[in-house]
Amino acid sequence: MSTLRALHHEYPGSWFSHATAAALYGLDLPSWLDGSSPIHLSRAESSTTTHRLPGLRSHAVVVEDGEVTEHLGLPVSRPARVYFDLMRDLPLKELVALGDQLVRHPRPALEGRDDPWETPSSLAELVGAHRKTKGIVKGRAALELIRIGADSRPESFLRLALLDSGLPEPELQVRPRPGSPWSGDLGYSELKIVIQYDGSGHFSAAEQAKDQRRDRAFEQDGWRIIHANAEDLRDGFRRIVARVAHALTLPPEPLSEYSHLREL
């Protein structure tokens, strides 16, 4: 942060953008798009400022009012502008995953904020304000695929893999029954199929115990549970797609003998 603050003082009127801005917001990008190097610094196209220090990637851009904000005490591209700036470089599925991160509802106790970074309509509005730019067709296509409810890039990729295979679009954050405190990542409520991506955060003893209670809640209401993991992610979720396709043809699971009991 000290380097960024020094650059801010060196180049007043400029702001941090692209992958650097994404890193400041805590957004998850592919490893090849590291937000720490080079540092992306933007300036208005009409500005006479030049960025010439080593380790800087300079951008002269057309920017509209409201597309630059302050975050962590630094001038930074607004989240929707980060999406716009990265349209050219990110593949479609990565752009969708970025959009999913921007519109998801945060967990205030863990993330220190109550509202999503953007809404689907605010993303579309900013993209629509710039009609002629590289990546605009891809950016618009990604907007059509962005959904609220994905809590990680792998969850976004899993949903897209199901869609790419021709399967029905799953719901996000499905619950075993209305009012239940438990939810699964993706699923098909009418058919009682839930799909859970178990990332690295699920490996602790406490998280595993929590996951078991969640699975029990679904099982007691007759849901079929499909688990995905990092190995499936590396394989493009082919095994999961096959399992979901098969499950969609099966009758619902019978209710557990304990289904009348409420979770404690």
Protein backbone atom coordinates (compact mmCIF):
# COMPACT_ATOMS: atom_id res chain seq x y z
CA MET A 1 0.00 0.00 0.00
CA SER A 2 2.89 2.37 0.69
CA THR A 3 3.98 2.08 -2.95
CA LEU A 4 0.48 2.87 -4.15
CA ARG A 5 0.19 5.85 -1.84
CA ALA A 6 3.53 7.18 -3.08
CA LEU A 7 2.35 6.84 -6.68
CA HIS A 8 -0.88 8.62 -5.82
CA HIS A 9 1.13 11.61 -4.58
CA GLU A 10 3.50 11.42 -7.56
CA TYR A 11 0.67 11.42 -10.11
CA PRO A 12 -2.29 13.48 -8.84
CA GLY A 13 -5.30 13.18 -11.11
CA SER A 14 -4.46 9.58 -12.01
CA TRP A 15 -6.09 6.51 -10.50
CA PHE A 16 -5.47 2.80 -10.03
CA SER A 17 -7.28 0.60 -12.52
CA HIS A 18 -7.51 -2.79 -14.22
CA ALA A 19 -6.01 -5.69 -12.22
CA THR A 20 -4.56 -3.33 -9.61
CA ALA A 21 -8.01 -1.97 -8.81
CA ALA A 22 -9.40 -5.52 -8.76
CA ALA A 23 -6.79 -6.49 -6.17
CA LEU A 24 -7.69 -3.48 -4.02
CA TYR A 25 -11.32 -4.61 -4.02
CA GLY A 26 -10.27 -8.16 -3.13
CA LEU A 27 -11.62 -9.60 -6.37
CA ASP A 28 -10.45 -13.04 -7.43
CA LEU A 29 -8.79 -13.05 -10.86
CA PRO A 30 -6.90 -15.80 -12.71
CA SER A 31 -3.32 -16.24 -11.52
CA TRP A 32 -1.86 -14.97 -14.79
CA LEU A 33 -3.49 -11.59 -14.19
CA ASP A 34 -1.63 -10.65 -11.03
CA GLY A 35 -2.81 -7.37 -9.53
CA SER A 36 0.54 -6.57 -7.91
CA SER A 37 2.78 -6.33 -10.98
CA PRO A 38 2.73 -4.30 -13.07
CA ILE A 39 0.79 -1.59 -11.27
CA HIS A 40 -1.95 -0.25 -13.52
CA LEU A 41 -2.39 3.51 -13.43
CA SER A 42 -4.94 5.31 -15.59
CA ARG A 43 -5.33 8.93 -16.60
CA ALA A 44 -7.91 10.77 -18.66
CA GLU A 45 -7.17 10.71 -22.37
CA SER A 46 -7.07 14.51 -22.35
CA SER A 47 -4.53 14.65 -19.50
CA THR A 48 -0.96 15.75 -20.15
CA THR A 49 0.34 13.59 -17.28
CA THR A 50 2.73 10.81 -18.24
CA HIS A 51 3.56 7.73 -16.15
CA ARG A 52 7.17 6.73 -16.70
CA LEU A 53 8.33 4.84 -13.62
CA PRO A 54 9.47 1.20 -13.93
CA GLY A 55 6.81 -1.32 -12.97
CA LEU A 56 3.93 0.87 -14.12
CA ARG A 57 1.44 0.11 -16.86
CA SER A 58 0.00 3.41 -18.04
CA HIS A 59 -3.46 3.77 -19.60
CA ALA A 60 -4.90 6.88 -21.25
CA VAL A 61 -8.66 6.33 -21.27
CA VAL A 62 -12.00 7.94 -21.95
CA VAL A 63 -13.69 8.11 -18.57
CA GLU A 64 -17.18 9.28 -17.64
CA ASP A 65 -18.32 10.96 -14.43
CA GLY A 66 -18.74 8.48 -11.60
CA GLU A 67 -16.35 5.88 -13.00
CA VAL A 68 -13.56 6.72 -10.55
CA THR A 69 -14.09 6.51 -6.80
CA GLU A 70 -12.09 6.39 -3.59
CA HIS A 71 -11.34 3.07 -1.92
CA LEU A 72 -8.94 2.47 0.97
CA GLY A 73 -7.97 6.12 0.72
CA LEU A 74 -6.86 5.81 -2.91
CA PRO A 75 -8.39 6.89 -6.23
CA VAL A 76 -9.57 3.69 -7.90
CA SER A 77 -11.69 2.68 -10.85
CA ARG A 78 -15.23 1.95 -9.73
CA PRO A 79 -15.93 -1.83 -9.70
CA ALA A 80 -18.07 -1.65 -12.84
CA ARG A 81 -15.25 0.20 -14.56
CA VAL A 82 -12.86 -2.60 -13.52
CA TYR A 83 -15.17 -5.02 -15.34
CA PHE A 84 -15.12 -2.74 -18.36
CA ASP A 85 -11.33 -2.32 -18.27
CA LEU A 86 -10.76 -6.09 -18.14
CA MET A 87 -13.23 -7.00 -20.92
CA ARG A 88 -10.48 -7.04 -23.50
CA ASP A 89 -8.12 -9.36 -21.62
CA LEU A 90 -10.34 -11.83 -19.77
CA PRO A 91 -11.85 -14.86 -21.51
CA LEU A 92 -15.65 -14.95 -21.46
CA LYS A 93 -16.00 -17.36 -18.53
CA GLU A 94 -13.53 -15.34 -16.45
CA LEU A 95 -15.44 -12.16 -17.25
CA VAL A 96 -18.68 -13.81 -16.12
CA ALA A 97 -16.99 -14.93 -12.90
CA LEU A 98 -15.77 -11.37 -12.31
CA GLY A 99 -19.27 -10.03 -12.88
CA ASP A 100 -20.70 -12.63 -10.49
CA GLN A 101 -18.30 -11.38 -7.81
CA LEU A 102 -19.38 -7.80 -8.35
CA VAL A 103 -23.13 -8.47 -7.99
CA ARG A 104 -23.10 -11.11 -5.21
CA HIS A 105 -24.52 -10.14 -1.83
CA PRO A 106 -21.67 -9.95 0.69
CA ARG A 107 -21.57 -11.43 4.17
CA PRO A 108 -21.24 -8.33 6.36
CA ALA A 109 -19.63 -10.07 9.33
CA LEU A 110 -16.86 -11.46 7.12
CA GLU A 111 -16.45 -8.75 4.48
CA GLY A 112 -17.20 -5.52 6.31
CA ARG A 113 -19.79 -4.30 3.81
CA ASP A 114 -23.55 -4.69 3.43
CA ASP A 115 -24.11 -4.02 -0.26
CA PRO A 116 -22.83 -5.64 -3.45
CA TRP A 117 -20.16 -3.77 -5.38
CA GLU A 118 -22.55 -3.36 -8.31
CA THR A 119 -25.93 -4.50 -9.59
CA PRO A 120 -26.57 -6.18 -12.95
CA SER A 121 -28.21 -2.98 -14.17
CA SER A 122 -25.36 -0.71 -13.02
CA LEU A 123 -22.86 -2.96 -14.81
CA ALA A 124 -24.93 -2.85 -17.98
CA GLU A 125 -25.32 0.92 -17.71
CA LEU A 126 -21.57 1.56 -17.53
CA VAL A 127 -20.78 -0.84 -20.37
CA GLY A 128 -23.53 0.77 -22.44
CA ALA A 129 -21.94 4.19 -22.00
CA HIS A 130 -18.91 3.07 -24.03
CA ARG A 131 -20.11 1.72 -27.35
CA LYS A 132 -16.87 1.49 -29.30
CA THR A 133 -14.09 -0.32 -27.51
CA LYS A 134 -12.25 -3.60 -27.85
CA GLY A 135 -13.98 -6.43 -26.04
CA ILE A 136 -17.41 -4.77 -26.01
CA VAL A 137 -19.14 -7.70 -27.73
CA LYS A 138 -17.66 -10.13 -25.22
CA GLY A 139 -18.52 -7.80 -22.36
CA ARG A 140 -22.16 -7.63 -23.43
CA ALA A 141 -22.31 -11.40 -23.86
CA ALA A 142 -20.95 -11.86 -20.34
CA LEU A 143 -23.57 -9.48 -18.94
CA GLU A 144 -26.26 -11.89 -20.13
CA LEU A 145 -24.67 -14.72 -18.13
CA ILE A 146 -23.94 -12.92 -14.85
CA ARG A 147 -26.06 -14.09 -11.91
CA ILE A 148 -26.45 -13.13 -8.26
CA GLY A 149 -25.55 -15.89 -5.81
CA ALA A 150 -22.18 -17.35 -6.80
CA ASP A 151 -19.72 -17.12 -3.92
CA SER A 152 -16.57 -18.11 -5.81
CA ARG A 153 -15.03 -18.35 -9.27
CA PRO A 154 -15.32 -22.17 -9.27
CA GLU A 155 -19.05 -21.90 -8.57
CA SER A 156 -19.40 -19.60 -11.57
CA PHE A 157 -17.39 -21.99 -13.74
CA LEU A 158 -19.51 -24.94 -12.57
CA ARG A 159 -22.72 -23.15 -13.53
CA LEU A 160 -21.28 -22.26 -16.93
CA ALA A 161 -20.13 -25.86 -17.48
CA LEU A 162 -23.69 -27.07 -16.88
CA LEU A 163 -25.05 -24.48 -19.31
CA ASP A 164 -22.38 -25.26 -21.92
CA SER A 165 -23.40 -28.93 -21.81
CA GLY A 166 -27.00 -28.04 -22.65
CA LEU A 167 -28.40 -28.76 -19.18
CA PRO A 168 -31.02 -26.47 -17.62
CA GLU A 169 -29.64 -23.47 -15.78
CA PRO A 170 -29.36 -24.24 -12.06
CA GLU A 171 -30.63 -21.98 -9.32
CA LEU A 172 -28.08 -20.47 -6.95
CA GLN A 173 -28.10 -20.69 -3.15
CA VAL A 174 -30.92 -23.24 -3.03
CA ARG A 175 -32.50 -24.15 0.31
CA PRO A 176 -33.84 -27.58 1.30
CA ARG A 177 -37.13 -25.96 2.30
CA PRO A 178 -38.42 -22.38 2.69
CA GLY A 179 -37.02 -20.69 5.76
CA SER A 180 -34.18 -23.16 6.24
CA PRO A 181 -30.91 -21.64 7.50
CA TRP A 182 -29.00 -23.97 5.17
CA SER A 183 -28.22 -23.43 1.51
CA GLY A 184 -26.34 -25.21 -1.25
CA ASP A 185 -24.30 -23.57 -3.98
CA LEU A 186 -26.37 -24.62 -6.99
CA GLY A 187 -29.33 -26.87 -7.63
CA TYR A 188 -32.70 -27.70 -9.08
CA SER A 189 -35.37 -27.20 -6.42
CA GLU A 190 -38.23 -28.91 -8.22
CA LEU A 191 -36.17 -32.07 -8.68
CA LYS A 192 -34.44 -31.77 -5.29
CA ILE A 193 -30.91 -31.86 -6.66
CA VAL A 194 -28.24 -29.79 -4.91
CA ILE A 195 -24.64 -29.32 -6.09
CA GLN A 196 -21.99 -28.20 -3.63
CA TYR A 197 -18.49 -27.02 -4.55
CA ASP A 198 -16.08 -27.90 -1.75
CA GLY A 199 -13.17 -25.49 -2.02
CA SER A 200 -10.15 -25.19 0.22
CA GLY A 201 -12.18 -23.35 2.84
CA HIS A 202 -14.13 -26.54 3.54
CA PHE A 203 -11.18 -28.59 4.78
CA SER A 204 -11.07 -27.51 8.43
CA ALA A 205 -12.73 -29.69 11.07
CA ALA A 206 -15.22 -26.92 11.89
CA GLU A 207 -16.20 -26.42 8.25
CA GLN A 208 -16.53 -30.15 7.65
CA ALA A 209 -18.86 -30.46 10.64
CA LYS A 210 -20.90 -27.53 9.31
CA ASP A 211 -21.02 -29.11 5.84
CA GLN A 212 -22.26 -32.38 7.34
CA ARG A 213 -25.09 -30.58 9.11
CA ARG A 214 -25.99 -28.83 5.86
CA ASP A 215 -25.97 -32.10 3.91
CA ARG A 216 -28.11 -33.74 6.59
CA ALA A 217 -30.70 -30.98 6.22
CA PHE A 218 -30.94 -31.65 2.48
CA GLU A 219 -30.96 -35.43 2.88
CA GLN A 220 -33.77 -35.31 5.43
CA ASP A 221 -35.94 -33.53 2.89
CA GLY A 222 -35.16 -36.03 0.15
CA TRP A 223 -32.56 -34.09 -1.84
CA ARG A 224 -29.90 -35.76 -3.93
CA ILE A 225 -26.48 -34.21 -3.16
CA ILE A 226 -23.63 -33.94 -5.67
CA HIS A 227 -20.23 -32.75 -4.44
CA ALA A 228 -17.62 -31.09 -6.68
CA ASN A 229 -14.03 -30.23 -5.80
CA ALA A 230 -10.79 -28.79 -7.20
CA GLU A 231 -10.10 -31.94 -9.20
CA ASP A 232 -13.42 -31.49 -10.98
CA LEU A 233 -12.54 -27.85 -11.62
CA ARG A 234 -9.28 -28.88 -13.31
CA ASP A 235 -11.22 -31.38 -15.43
CA GLY A 236 -13.74 -28.79 -16.57
CA PHE A 237 -16.43 -30.39 -14.38
CA ARG A 238 -17.00 -33.19 -16.90
CA ARG A 239 -17.71 -35.75 -14.17
CA ILE A 240 -20.13 -33.41 -12.44
CA VAL A 241 -21.94 -32.59 -15.68
CA ALA A 242 -22.43 -36.32 -16.31
CA ARG A 243 -23.70 -36.90 -12.77
CA VAL A 244 -26.12 -33.97 -12.96
CA ALA A 245 -27.38 -35.07 -16.38
CA HIS A 246 -28.05 -38.54 -14.94
CA ALA A 247 -29.69 -37.15 -11.79
CA LEU A 248 -32.05 -35.00 -13.85
CA THR A 249 -33.54 -38.20 -15.32
CA LEU A 250 -34.13 -39.88 -11.93
CA PRO A 251 -37.14 -39.65 -9.61
CA PRO A 252 -36.62 -37.70 -6.37
CA GLU A 253 -35.00 -39.42 -3.41
CA PRO A 254 -37.42 -40.77 -0.77
CA LEU A 255 -37.78 -38.60 2.32
CA SER A 256 -35.64 -39.46 5.31
CA GLU A 257 -37.45 -41.03 8.24
CA TYR A 258 -36.30 -37.96 10.17
CA SER A 259 -37.62 -35.41 7.69
CA HIS A 260 -40.32 -34.29 10.12
CA LEU A 261 -37.67 -33.12 12.58
CA ARG A 262 -36.40 -29.57 12.42
CA GLU A 263 -32.70 -28.84 12.47
CA LEU A 264 -31.46 -27.70 15.86
